[in-house]
C-alpha atoms as a PDB file:
ATOM      1  CA  MET A   1     141.443 142.296 144.792  1.00  0.00           C
ATOM      2  CA  PRO A   2     138.901 141.635 141.991  1.00  0.00           C
ATOM      3  CA  GLU A   3     135.299 142.434 142.800  1.00  0.00           C
ATOM      4  CA  LEU A   4     132.083 140.976 141.442  1.00  0.00           C
ATOM      5  CA  LYS A   5     130.203 143.304 139.087  1.00  0.00           C
ATOM      6  CA  LEU A   6     127.008 143.944 141.028  1.00  0.00           C
ATOM      7  CA  TYR A   7     125.941 147.236 139.460  1.00  0.00           C
ATOM      8  CA  ARG A   8     125.999 148.560 135.915  1.00  0.00           C
ATOM      9  CA  ASP A   9     125.060 151.894 134.393  1.00  0.00           C
ATOM     10  CA  CYS A  10     121.363 152.203 133.657  1.00  0.00           C
ATOM     11  CA  THR A  11     119.475 154.756 131.575  1.00  0.00           C
ATOM     12  CA  ILE A  12     115.775 154.851 132.440  1.00  0.00           C
ATOM     13  CA  MET A  13     113.902 155.652 129.242  1.00  0.00           C
ATOM     14  CA  GLU A  14     111.476 154.017 126.806  1.00  0.00           C
ATOM     15  CA  LYS A  15     114.226 153.293 124.276  1.00  0.00           C
ATOM     16  CA  PRO A  16     117.471 153.017 126.251  1.00  0.00           C
ATOM     17  CA  PRO A  17     120.849 152.424 124.615  1.00  0.00           C
ATOM     18  CA  PHE A  18     121.610 148.842 123.655  1.00  0.00           C
ATOM     19  CA  PRO A  19     122.945 147.093 126.788  1.00  0.00           C
ATOM     20  CA  LYS A  20     126.604 146.441 127.454  1.00  0.00           C
ATOM     21  CA  ASN A  21     125.669 143.202 129.235  1.00  0.00           C
ATOM     22  CA  ILE A  22     124.036 140.098 127.754  1.00  0.00           C
ATOM     23  CA  MET A  23     123.048 136.875 129.520  1.00  0.00           C
ATOM     24  CA  ILE A  24     122.510 133.628 127.620  1.00  0.00           C
ATOM     25  CA  GLU A  25     120.662 130.558 128.847  1.00  0.00           C
ATOM     26  CA  LEU A  26     122.640 127.693 127.314  1.00  0.00           C
ATOM     27  CA  THR A  27     120.231 125.241 128.965  1.00  0.00           C
ATOM     28  CA  ASN A  28     117.317 125.322 131.377  1.00  0.00           C
ATOM     29  CA  ALA A  29     118.284 121.965 132.876  1.00  0.00           C
ATOM     30  CA  CYS A  30     119.698 121.858 136.402  1.00  0.00           C
ATOM     31  CA  ASN A  31     121.265 119.151 138.551  1.00  0.00           C
ATOM     32  CA  HIS A  32     120.134 120.690 141.855  1.00  0.00           C
ATOM     33  CA  LYS A  33     116.771 121.458 143.437  1.00  0.00           C
ATOM     34  CA  CYS A  34     117.445 124.474 145.630  1.00  0.00           C
ATOM     35  CA  ILE A  35     114.697 125.176 148.118  1.00  0.00           C
ATOM     36  CA  PHE A  36     114.595 128.908 147.298  1.00  0.00           C
ATOM     37  CA  CYS A  37     114.516 128.430 143.509  1.00  0.00           C
ATOM     38  CA  ALA A  38     111.479 128.080 141.237  1.00  0.00           C
ATOM     39  CA  HIS A  39     113.243 125.738 138.824  1.00  0.00           C
ATOM     40  CA  ASP A  40     111.418 122.710 140.212  1.00  0.00           C
ATOM     41  CA  LYS A  41     108.077 124.330 139.306  1.00  0.00           C
ATOM     42  CA  MET A  42     109.077 124.959 135.697  1.00  0.00           C
ATOM     43  CA  LYS A  43     106.619 123.703 133.063  1.00  0.00           C
ATOM     44  CA  ARG A  44     108.803 124.636 130.118  1.00  0.00           C
ATOM     45  CA  LYS A  45     110.426 121.876 128.090  1.00  0.00           C
ATOM     46  CA  ILE A  46     114.005 121.055 129.046  1.00  0.00           C
ATOM     47  CA  GLY A  47     116.500 121.727 126.291  1.00  0.00           C
ATOM     48  CA  ASN A  48     119.789 123.202 125.124  1.00  0.00           C
ATOM     49  CA  CYS A  49     120.317 126.106 122.772  1.00  0.00           C
ATOM     50  CA  ASP A  50     121.394 125.809 119.159  1.00  0.00           C
ATOM     51  CA  LYS A  51     125.074 126.682 119.006  1.00  0.00           C
ATOM     52  CA  ASN A  52     125.225 128.308 115.586  1.00  0.00           C
ATOM     53  CA  PHE A  53     122.127 130.363 116.330  1.00  0.00           C
ATOM     54  CA  ILE A  54     123.562 131.601 119.625  1.00  0.00           C
ATOM     55  CA  PHE A  55     126.863 132.399 117.923  1.00  0.00           C
ATOM     56  CA  ASP A  56     124.909 134.663 115.581  1.00  0.00           C
ATOM     57  CA  ILE A  57     123.066 136.291 118.506  1.00  0.00           C
ATOM     58  CA  MET A  58     126.383 136.917 120.251  1.00  0.00           C
ATOM     59  CA  LYS A  59     127.701 138.624 117.119  1.00  0.00           C
ATOM     60  CA  GLN A  60     124.543 140.724 116.747  1.00  0.00           C
ATOM     61  CA  ALA A  61     124.871 141.830 120.362  1.00  0.00           C
ATOM     62  CA  ARG A  62     128.560 142.611 120.016  1.00  0.00           C
ATOM     63  CA  ASP A  63     127.977 144.602 116.822  1.00  0.00           C
ATOM     64  CA  ALA A  64     125.257 146.556 118.635  1.00  0.00           C
ATOM     65  CA  GLY A  65     127.598 147.492 121.477  1.00  0.00           C
ATOM     66  CA  ALA A  66     127.492 144.658 124.033  1.00  0.00           C
ATOM     67  CA  GLU A  67     130.795 144.151 125.873  1.00  0.00           C
ATOM     68  CA  GLU A  68     129.999 141.539 128.525  1.00  0.00           C
ATOM     69  CA  VAL A  69     128.426 138.088 128.262  1.00  0.00           C
ATOM     70  CA  GLY A  70     127.325 135.713 131.017  1.00  0.00           C
ATOM     71  CA  PHE A  71     126.472 132.104 130.268  1.00  0.00           C
ATOM     72  CA  TYR A  72     123.725 131.290 132.739  1.00  0.00           C
ATOM     73  CA  MET A  73     120.112 132.033 133.596  1.00  0.00           C
ATOM     74  CA  THR A  74     117.705 129.351 134.817  1.00  0.00           C
ATOM     75  CA  GLY A  75     119.913 126.276 134.301  1.00  0.00           C
ATOM     76  CA  GLU A  76     123.353 124.870 135.120  1.00  0.00           C
ATOM     77  CA  PRO A  77     125.817 125.838 132.365  1.00  0.00           C
ATOM     78  CA  PHE A  78     128.329 123.073 133.149  1.00  0.00           C
ATOM     79  CA  LEU A  79     125.733 120.534 131.998  1.00  0.00           C
ATOM     80  CA  VAL A  80     126.399 121.806 128.457  1.00  0.00           C
ATOM     81  CA  SER A  81     129.339 119.955 126.921  1.00  0.00           C
ATOM     82  CA  ALA A  82     129.894 122.775 124.405  1.00  0.00           C
ATOM     83  CA  LEU A  83     130.389 125.387 127.146  1.00  0.00           C
ATOM     84  CA  PRO A  84     134.054 125.932 126.171  1.00  0.00           C
ATOM     85  CA  ASP A  85     132.962 126.636 122.593  1.00  0.00           C
ATOM     86  CA  TYR A  86     130.681 129.457 123.725  1.00  0.00           C
ATOM     87  CA  VAL A  87     133.412 131.002 125.859  1.00  0.00           C
ATOM     88  CA  GLU A  88     135.876 130.730 122.986  1.00  0.00           C
ATOM     89  CA  LYS A  89     133.424 132.348 120.557  1.00  0.00           C
ATOM     90  CA  ALA A  90     132.798 135.226 122.966  1.00  0.00           C
ATOM     91  CA  ASN A  91     136.541 135.738 123.225  1.00  0.00           C
ATOM     92  CA  GLN A  92     136.903 135.694 119.442  1.00  0.00           C
ATOM     93  CA  LEU A  93     134.182 138.338 119.219  1.00  0.00           C
ATOM     94  CA  LYS A  94     136.260 140.417 121.667  1.00  0.00           C
ATOM     95  CA  TYR A  95     133.822 140.543 124.575  1.00  0.00           C
ATOM     96  CA  SER A  96     135.835 142.177 127.338  1.00  0.00           C
ATOM     97  CA  TYR A  97     134.157 140.308 130.215  1.00  0.00           C
ATOM     98  CA  ILE A  98     133.037 136.661 129.947  1.00  0.00           C
ATOM     99  CA  TYR A  99     131.551 135.124 133.087  1.00  0.00           C
ATOM    100  CA  ILE A 100     129.666 132.093 134.399  1.00  0.00           C
ATOM    101  CA  THR A 101     127.571 131.327 137.466  1.00  0.00           C
ATOM    102  CA  THR A 102     127.328 127.695 138.553  1.00  0.00           C
ATOM    103  CA  ASN A 103     126.517 125.497 141.542  1.00  0.00           C
ATOM    104  CA  GLY A 104     130.079 124.262 141.193  1.00  0.00           C
ATOM    105  CA  VAL A 105     129.441 120.521 141.235  1.00  0.00           C
ATOM    106  CA  LEU A 106     130.801 119.962 137.724  1.00  0.00           C
ATOM    107  CA  ALA A 107     133.256 122.868 137.823  1.00  0.00           C
ATOM    108  CA  ASN A 108     136.358 120.851 138.538  1.00  0.00           C
ATOM    109  CA  ALA A 109     139.781 122.424 138.193  1.00  0.00           C
ATOM    110  CA  ASN A 110     140.554 120.932 134.778  1.00  0.00           C
ATOM    111  CA  LYS A 111     137.303 122.208 133.260  1.00  0.00           C
ATOM    112  CA  VAL A 112     137.817 125.644 134.775  1.00  0.00           C
ATOM    113  CA  MET A 113     141.375 125.730 133.409  1.00  0.00           C
ATOM    114  CA  GLU A 114     140.053 124.866 129.947  1.00  0.00           C
ATOM    115  CA  LEU A 115     137.503 127.680 130.153  1.00  0.00           C
ATOM    116  CA  TYR A 116     140.169 130.104 131.336  1.00  0.00           C
ATOM    117  CA  LYS A 117     142.317 129.249 128.315  1.00  0.00           C
ATOM    118  CA  LYS A 118     139.298 129.859 126.072  1.00  0.00           C
ATOM    119  CA  GLY A 119     138.763 133.332 127.555  1.00  0.00           C
ATOM    120  CA  LEU A 120     136.748 133.067 130.794  1.00  0.00           C
ATOM    121  CA  LYS A 121     137.203 136.174 132.955  1.00  0.00           C
ATOM    122  CA  SER A 122     135.422 135.166 136.188  1.00  0.00           C
ATOM    123  CA  LEU A 123     133.499 132.318 137.825  1.00  0.00           C
ATOM    124  CA  LYS A 124     130.822 132.591 140.521  1.00  0.00           C
ATOM    125  CA  ILE A 125     129.816 129.517 142.512  1.00  0.00           C
ATOM    126  CA  SER A 126     126.564 129.344 144.472  1.00  0.00           C
ATOM    127  CA  ILE A 127     127.076 127.675 147.872  1.00  0.00           C
ATOM    128  CA  ASN A 128     124.181 128.162 150.248  1.00  0.00           C
ATOM    129  CA  ALA A 129     125.167 126.461 153.479  1.00  0.00           C
ATOM    130  CA  GLY A 130     128.138 126.124 155.782  1.00  0.00           C
ATOM    131  CA  THR A 131     127.627 122.465 156.666  1.00  0.00           C
ATOM    132  CA  LYS A 132     127.081 119.274 154.721  1.00  0.00           C
ATOM    133  CA  LYS A 133     123.709 118.621 156.394  1.00  0.00           C
ATOM    134  CA  THR A 134     122.205 122.043 155.695  1.00  0.00           C
ATOM    135  CA  TYR A 135     123.636 122.056 152.181  1.00  0.00           C
ATOM    136  CA  GLU A 136     121.703 118.894 151.321  1.00  0.00           C
ATOM    137  CA  ILE A 137     118.498 120.449 152.678  1.00  0.00           C
ATOM    138  CA  ILE A 138     119.001 123.682 150.731  1.00  0.00           C
ATOM    139  CA  HIS A 139     120.384 122.290 147.464  1.00  0.00           C
ATOM    140  CA  GLY A 140     118.503 118.999 147.430  1.00  0.00           C
ATOM    141  CA  LYS A 141     121.761 117.147 146.736  1.00  0.00           C
ATOM    142  CA  ASP A 142     124.660 115.875 148.851  1.00  0.00           C
ATOM    143  CA  ASP A 143     127.398 117.714 146.953  1.00  0.00           C
ATOM    144  CA  PHE A 144     128.881 119.956 149.640  1.00  0.00           C
ATOM    145  CA  ASP A 145     132.228 118.150 149.929  1.00  0.00           C
ATOM    146  CA  LYS A 146     132.595 117.933 146.143  1.00  0.00           C
ATOM    147  CA  VAL A 147     132.064 121.675 145.656  1.00  0.00           C
ATOM    148  CA  ILE A 148     134.477 122.624 148.443  1.00  0.00           C
ATOM    149  CA  GLU A 149     137.057 120.235 146.974  1.00  0.00           C
ATOM    150  CA  ASN A 150     136.599 121.863 143.556  1.00  0.00           C
ATOM    151  CA  LEU A 151     137.249 125.274 145.095  1.00  0.00           C
ATOM    152  CA  LYS A 152     140.445 124.043 146.729  1.00  0.00           C
ATOM    153  CA  ASN A 153     141.689 122.442 143.526  1.00  0.00           C
ATOM    154  CA  ILE A 154     140.886 125.521 141.443  1.00  0.00           C
ATOM    155  CA  LYS A 155     142.852 127.632 143.894  1.00  0.00           C
ATOM    156  CA  GLY A 156     145.789 125.238 143.660  1.00  0.00           C
ATOM    157  CA  LEU A 157     145.723 125.249 139.882  1.00  0.00           C
ATOM    158  CA  LYS A 158     145.567 129.058 139.794  1.00  0.00           C
ATOM    159  CA  LYS A 159     148.568 129.280 142.105  1.00  0.00           C
ATOM    160  CA  ASP A 160     150.630 126.663 140.264  1.00  0.00           C
ATOM    161  CA  ASN A 161     149.995 128.306 136.892  1.00  0.00           C
ATOM    162  CA  ASN A 162     150.026 131.948 138.021  1.00  0.00           C
ATOM    163  CA  ILE A 163     146.471 132.436 136.757  1.00  0.00           C
ATOM    164  CA  ASN A 164     144.438 135.567 137.447  1.00  0.00           C
ATOM    165  CA  LEU A 165     140.870 134.227 137.345  1.00  0.00           C
ATOM    166  CA  PRO A 166     138.593 135.756 139.990  1.00  0.00           C
ATOM    167  CA  ILE A 167     136.503 133.174 141.840  1.00  0.00           C
ATOM    168  CA  PHE A 168     133.419 134.449 143.650  1.00  0.00           C
ATOM    169  CA  VAL A 169     131.001 132.618 145.925  1.00  0.00           C
ATOM    170  CA  SER A 170     127.394 133.684 146.434  1.00  0.00           C
ATOM    171  CA  PHE A 171     125.187 132.722 149.376  1.00  0.00           C
ATOM    172  CA  VAL A 172     121.369 133.054 149.366  1.00  0.00           C
ATOM    173  CA  ARG A 173     120.449 133.860 152.959  1.00  0.00           C
ATOM    174  CA  ASN A 174     117.305 132.340 154.492  1.00  0.00           C
ATOM    175  CA  LYS A 175     116.086 131.039 157.849  1.00  0.00           C
ATOM    176  CA  LEU A 176     117.624 127.609 157.291  1.00  0.00           C
ATOM    177  CA  ASN A 177     121.170 128.783 156.626  1.00  0.00           C
ATOM    178  CA  MET A 178     121.513 132.266 158.125  1.00  0.00           C
ATOM    179  CA  ASN A 179     123.496 130.975 161.113  1.00  0.00           C
ATOM    180  CA  GLU A 180     126.064 129.306 158.846  1.00  0.00           C
ATOM    181  CA  ILE A 181     127.269 132.350 156.909  1.00  0.00           C
ATOM    182  CA  ASP A 182     130.442 132.803 158.947  1.00  0.00           C
ATOM    183  CA  LYS A 183     131.063 129.059 158.988  1.00  0.00           C
ATOM    184  CA  LEU A 184     131.121 128.927 155.196  1.00  0.00           C
ATOM    185  CA  ARG A 185     133.077 132.162 154.896  1.00  0.00           C
ATOM    186  CA  ASN A 186     135.785 130.843 157.222  1.00  0.00           C
ATOM    187  CA  LEU A 187     135.910 127.531 155.354  1.00  0.00           C
ATOM    188  CA  ILE A 188     136.432 129.013 151.888  1.00  0.00           C
ATOM    189  CA  GLU A 189     137.987 132.447 152.392  1.00  0.00           C
ATOM    190  CA  ASP A 190     141.467 131.242 151.408  1.00  0.00           C
ATOM    191  CA  TYR A 191     140.203 129.914 148.084  1.00  0.00           C
ATOM    192  CA  ILE A 192     138.085 132.783 146.747  1.00  0.00           C
ATOM    193  CA  ASP A 193     138.270 136.466 145.869  1.00  0.00           C
ATOM    194  CA  GLN A 194     134.887 137.633 147.190  1.00  0.00           C
ATOM    195  CA  PHE A 195     131.947 136.294 149.210  1.00  0.00           C
ATOM    196  CA  VAL A 196     128.572 137.825 148.313  1.00  0.00           C
ATOM    197  CA  ILE A 197     125.333 137.459 150.293  1.00  0.00           C
ATOM    198  CA  TYR A 198     121.858 137.798 148.764  1.00  0.00           C
ATOM    199  CA  ASP A 199     118.486 137.384 150.423  1.00  0.00           C
ATOM    200  CA  ALA A 200     116.030 134.801 149.133  1.00  0.00           C
ATOM    201  CA  TYR A 201     113.169 136.449 147.273  1.00  0.00           C
ATOM    202  CA  ASN A 202     109.969 135.452 145.534  1.00  0.00           C
ATOM    203  CA  GLN A 203     111.245 135.169 141.952  1.00  0.00           C
ATOM    204  CA  GLY A 204     108.294 136.782 140.262  1.00  0.00           C
ATOM    205  CA  GLY A 205     105.803 135.395 142.769  1.00  0.00           C
ATOM    206  CA  ASN A 206     106.825 131.798 142.121  1.00  0.00           C
ATOM    207  CA  MET A 207     108.216 131.341 145.621  1.00  0.00           C
ATOM    208  CA  TYR A 208     105.607 133.355 147.495  1.00  0.00           C
ATOM    209  CA  GLU A 209     104.712 130.438 149.775  1.00  0.00           C
ATOM    210  CA  LEU A 210     108.172 130.593 151.341  1.00  0.00           C
ATOM    211  CA  ASN A 211     107.342 133.874 153.082  1.00  0.00           C
ATOM    212  CA  ASP A 212     106.357 132.030 156.251  1.00  0.00           C
ATOM    213  CA  THR A 213     108.946 129.271 156.100  1.00  0.00           C
ATOM    214  CA  ILE A 214     112.417 130.359 155.022  1.00  0.00           C
ATOM    215  CA  MET A 215     112.292 134.095 154.293  1.00  0.00           C
ATOM    216  CA  VAL A 216     114.341 136.279 156.609  1.00  0.00           C
ATOM    217  CA  ASP A 217     112.911 139.251 158.542  1.00  0.00           C
ATOM    218  CA  ASP A 218     110.490 141.538 156.688  1.00  0.00           C
ATOM    219  CA  PHE A 219     110.225 140.120 153.215  1.00  0.00           C
ATOM    220  CA  HIS A 220     110.958 142.354 150.264  1.00  0.00           C
ATOM    221  CA  GLY A 221     110.551 141.649 146.585  1.00  0.00           C
ATOM    222  CA  GLY A 222     114.275 141.828 145.964  1.00  0.00           C
ATOM    223  CA  ILE A 223     113.754 144.080 142.945  1.00  0.00           C
ATOM    224  CA  GLN A 224     112.897 147.750 143.164  1.00  0.00           C
ATOM    225  CA  MET A 225     110.846 149.551 140.544  1.00  0.00           C
ATOM    226  CA  PRO A 226     111.862 150.465 137.957  1.00  0.00           C
ATOM    227  CA  CYS A 227     113.766 147.207 137.564  1.00  0.00           C
ATOM    228  CA  ASN A 228     117.136 147.922 135.962  1.00  0.00           C
ATOM    229  CA  MET A 229     117.302 144.715 133.954  1.00  0.00           C
ATOM    230  CA  ILE A 230     114.696 145.830 131.394  1.00  0.00           C
ATOM    231  CA  PHE A 231     116.795 148.929 130.723  1.00  0.00           C
ATOM    232  CA  ASN A 232     120.393 147.646 130.796  1.00  0.00           C
ATOM    233  CA  ARG A 233     120.573 143.899 130.173  1.00  0.00           C
ATOM    234  CA  ILE A 234     119.729 141.419 127.430  1.00  0.00           C
ATOM    235  CA  HIS A 235     118.418 137.940 128.350  1.00  0.00           C
ATOM    236  CA  ILE A 236     118.357 135.192 125.732  1.00  0.00           C
ATOM    237  CA  THR A 237     116.538 131.911 126.461  1.00  0.00           C
ATOM    238  CA  TYR A 238     117.767 128.598 125.112  1.00  0.00           C
ATOM    239  CA  GLU A 239     114.849 128.602 122.641  1.00  0.00           C
ATOM    240  CA  GLY A 240     116.128 131.861 121.170  1.00  0.00           C
ATOM    241  CA  TYR A 241     113.703 134.337 122.737  1.00  0.00           C
ATOM    242  CA  LEU A 242     114.438 137.765 124.115  1.00  0.00           C
ATOM    243  CA  ASN A 243     113.186 137.658 127.703  1.00  0.00           C
ATOM    244  CA  ALA A 244     112.741 140.686 129.947  1.00  0.00           C
ATOM    245  CA  CYS A 245     113.693 138.787 133.122  1.00  0.00           C
ATOM    246  CA  CYS A 246     116.583 136.547 134.212  1.00  0.00           C
ATOM    247  CA  VAL A 247     114.462 134.463 136.642  1.00  0.00           C
ATOM    248  CA  ASP A 248     111.523 133.726 134.364  1.00  0.00           C
ATOM    249  CA  PHE A 249     111.360 129.937 134.255  1.00  0.00           C
ATOM    250  CA  ASP A 250     108.330 129.657 131.964  1.00  0.00           C
ATOM    251  CA  ASN A 251     108.696 132.486 129.428  1.00  0.00           C
ATOM    252  CA  PHE A 252     106.009 134.699 130.952  1.00  0.00           C
ATOM    253  CA  MET A 253     108.319 137.613 130.137  1.00  0.00           C
ATOM    254  CA  ALA A 254     109.486 136.448 126.696  1.00  0.00           C
ATOM    255  CA  THR A 255     108.812 139.157 124.133  1.00  0.00           C
ATOM    256  CA  SER A 256     110.359 138.251 120.766  1.00  0.00           C
ATOM    257  CA  ASP A 257     111.436 135.186 118.807  1.00  0.00           C
ATOM    258  CA  LEU A 258     114.930 136.076 117.628  1.00  0.00           C
ATOM    259  CA  HIS A 259     114.679 133.617 114.766  1.00  0.00           C
ATOM    260  CA  LYS A 260     112.222 136.080 113.237  1.00  0.00           C
ATOM    261  CA  ILE A 261     113.498 139.482 114.333  1.00  0.00           C
ATOM    262  CA  LYS A 262     116.908 141.068 114.781  1.00  0.00           C
ATOM    263  CA  LEU A 263     118.103 141.425 118.371  1.00  0.00           C
ATOM    264  CA  ILE A 264     118.466 145.197 118.203  1.00  0.00           C
ATOM    265  CA  ASP A 265     114.864 145.510 116.963  1.00  0.00           C
ATOM    266  CA  ALA A 266     113.570 143.134 119.640  1.00  0.00           C
ATOM    267  CA  TRP A 267     115.278 145.247 122.313  1.00  0.00           C
ATOM    268  CA  ASN A 268     112.985 148.145 121.441  1.00  0.00           C
ATOM    269  CA  SER A 269     109.901 146.182 120.420  1.00  0.00           C
ATOM    270  CA  ASP A 270     106.464 147.463 121.393  1.00  0.00           C
ATOM    271  CA  LEU A 271     106.237 144.905 124.202  1.00  0.00           C
ATOM    272  CA  MET A 272     109.530 146.022 125.732  1.00  0.00           C
ATOM    273  CA  ILE A 273     108.640 149.703 125.393  1.00  0.00           C
ATOM    274  CA  ASN A 274     105.275 149.145 127.033  1.00  0.00           C
ATOM    275  CA  LEU A 275     106.872 147.206 129.902  1.00  0.00           C
ATOM    276  CA  ARG A 276     109.358 150.014 130.486  1.00  0.00           C
ATOM    277  CA  ARG A 277     106.507 152.527 130.511  1.00  0.00           C
ATOM    278  CA  GLN A 278     104.793 150.506 133.229  1.00  0.00           C
ATOM    279  CA  HIS A 279     107.937 150.542 135.362  1.00  0.00           C
ATOM    280  CA  MET A 280     108.553 154.234 134.787  1.00  0.00           C
ATOM    281  CA  SER A 281     104.965 155.175 135.680  1.00  0.00           C
ATOM    282  CA  GLY A 282     104.742 152.803 138.656  1.00  0.00           C
ATOM    283  CA  ASN A 283     101.594 151.310 137.153  1.00  0.00           C
ATOM    284  CA  LEU A 284     102.391 147.655 136.613  1.00  0.00           C
ATOM    285  CA  LYS A 285      99.758 145.460 135.020  1.00  0.00           C
ATOM    286  CA  SER A 286      99.094 141.744 135.404  1.00  0.00           C
ATOM    287  CA  ASN A 287     102.576 140.533 134.555  1.00  0.00           C
ATOM    288  CA  MET A 288     105.303 138.790 136.518  1.00  0.00           C
ATOM    289  CA  CYS A 289     106.945 142.090 137.465  1.00  0.00           C
ATOM    290  CA  TYR A 290     103.881 143.013 139.528  1.00  0.00           C
ATOM    291  CA  ASN A 291     104.218 139.907 141.691  1.00  0.00           C
ATOM    292  CA  CYS A 292     107.977 140.254 142.035  1.00  0.00           C
ATOM    293  CA  ILE A 293     107.982 143.871 143.139  1.00  0.00           C
ATOM    294  CA  ASN A 294     104.851 143.715 145.299  1.00  0.00           C
ATOM    295  CA  ASN A 295     105.503 140.266 146.798  1.00  0.00           C
ATOM    296  CA  LYS A 296     102.254 138.825 145.457  1.00  0.00           C
ATOM    297  CA  ASN A 297     101.210 135.595 143.786  1.00  0.00           C
ATOM    298  CA  THR A 298      98.266 136.898 141.809  1.00  0.00           C
ATOM    299  CA  LYS A 299      97.326 135.413 138.451  1.00  0.00           C
ATOM    300  CA  ILE A 300      99.544 136.821 135.738  1.00  0.00           C
ATOM    301  CA  ALA A 301      99.446 136.947 131.956  1.00  0.00           C
ATOM    302  CA  PRO A 302     102.402 136.312 129.620  1.00  0.00           C
ATOM    303  CA  LEU A 303     103.708 139.274 127.656  1.00  0.00           C
ATOM    304  CA  ASN A 304     103.668 137.177 124.485  1.00  0.00           C
ATOM    305  CA  LYS A 305     101.070 134.410 124.734  1.00  0.00           C
ATOM    306  CA  GLU A 306     102.321 132.601 121.632  1.00  0.00           C
ATOM    307  CA  LEU A 307     105.883 132.236 122.934  1.00  0.00           C
ATOM    308  CA  TYR A 308     104.679 131.237 126.385  1.00  0.00           C
ATOM    309  CA  GLU A 309     102.374 128.502 125.141  1.00  0.00           C
ATOM    310  CA  ARG A 310     104.849 127.217 122.549  1.00  0.00           C
ATOM    311  CA  GLU A 311     107.286 125.813 125.091  1.00  0.00           C
ATOM    312  CA  ILE A 312     105.005 124.576 127.866  1.00  0.00           C
ATOM    313  CA  GLU A 313     104.990 120.807 128.275  1.00  0.00           C
ATOM    314  CA  LYS A 314     101.712 119.261 127.216  1.00  0.00           C
ATOM    315  CA  CYS A 315     100.167 117.079 129.892  1.00  0.00           C
END
């Protein structure tokens, strides 16, 4: 049975090898308002990436040694009409693993089949409740039946066409849904390849106030130091910035504008090297990593003030 890739090799050093894995934020727009997610607090402008620019970034990454590409970060990738084009381009560039994470509302069987034909290698759907009522509380939308129906139809299409496309479901455990894990598992187990459970966490301090409301047991930051993602993964925002973190909604951790610098040079920029030094020494400064790892909500400073301020909505 296929398994979700949860762990990847990581070399802890100031200038690690170029990552095998790259994540691209096609959009920062989302059609849900999940209670454990900081998306609703985002001040950054909503937008989609420039296709030709991202195609170039994908080629730069592939030439530098990247082998895997995921099309998601802070937004819902199925909101992007050109999603099949990105999957097709990744396949043309010979990425060996092309994957997407989605809330599943727009991931109907026909769209998933199209993506599979373009080169998609796996799909992960986030479903965070086992009942329609709790789902609406958690996700902020009444889409439970639609997502379950999509799963069933995708399974049917896979069977009818003898398709080997792993379908995973993730579940973010919290006090509001923790008693519905088995209910959801039993409901969907015939339609999926793997069911993965994560614990809600503070997302860089943005969700700190949930400690006393929905967090389960003794809260932990969710990320241990040193954080692997600054050593073994590339994150590209829709604006075209290299970002050190996959859950940075407001570019606090953006380091380089890739319109002005090559990706391989941005990967080992002074800002990235300094951030890695902080993680390696255990001496984090006033950045988002400090809040994430220490479960704090102290005032933080952006790594690159210019990039942070450039995309914040003006009131």
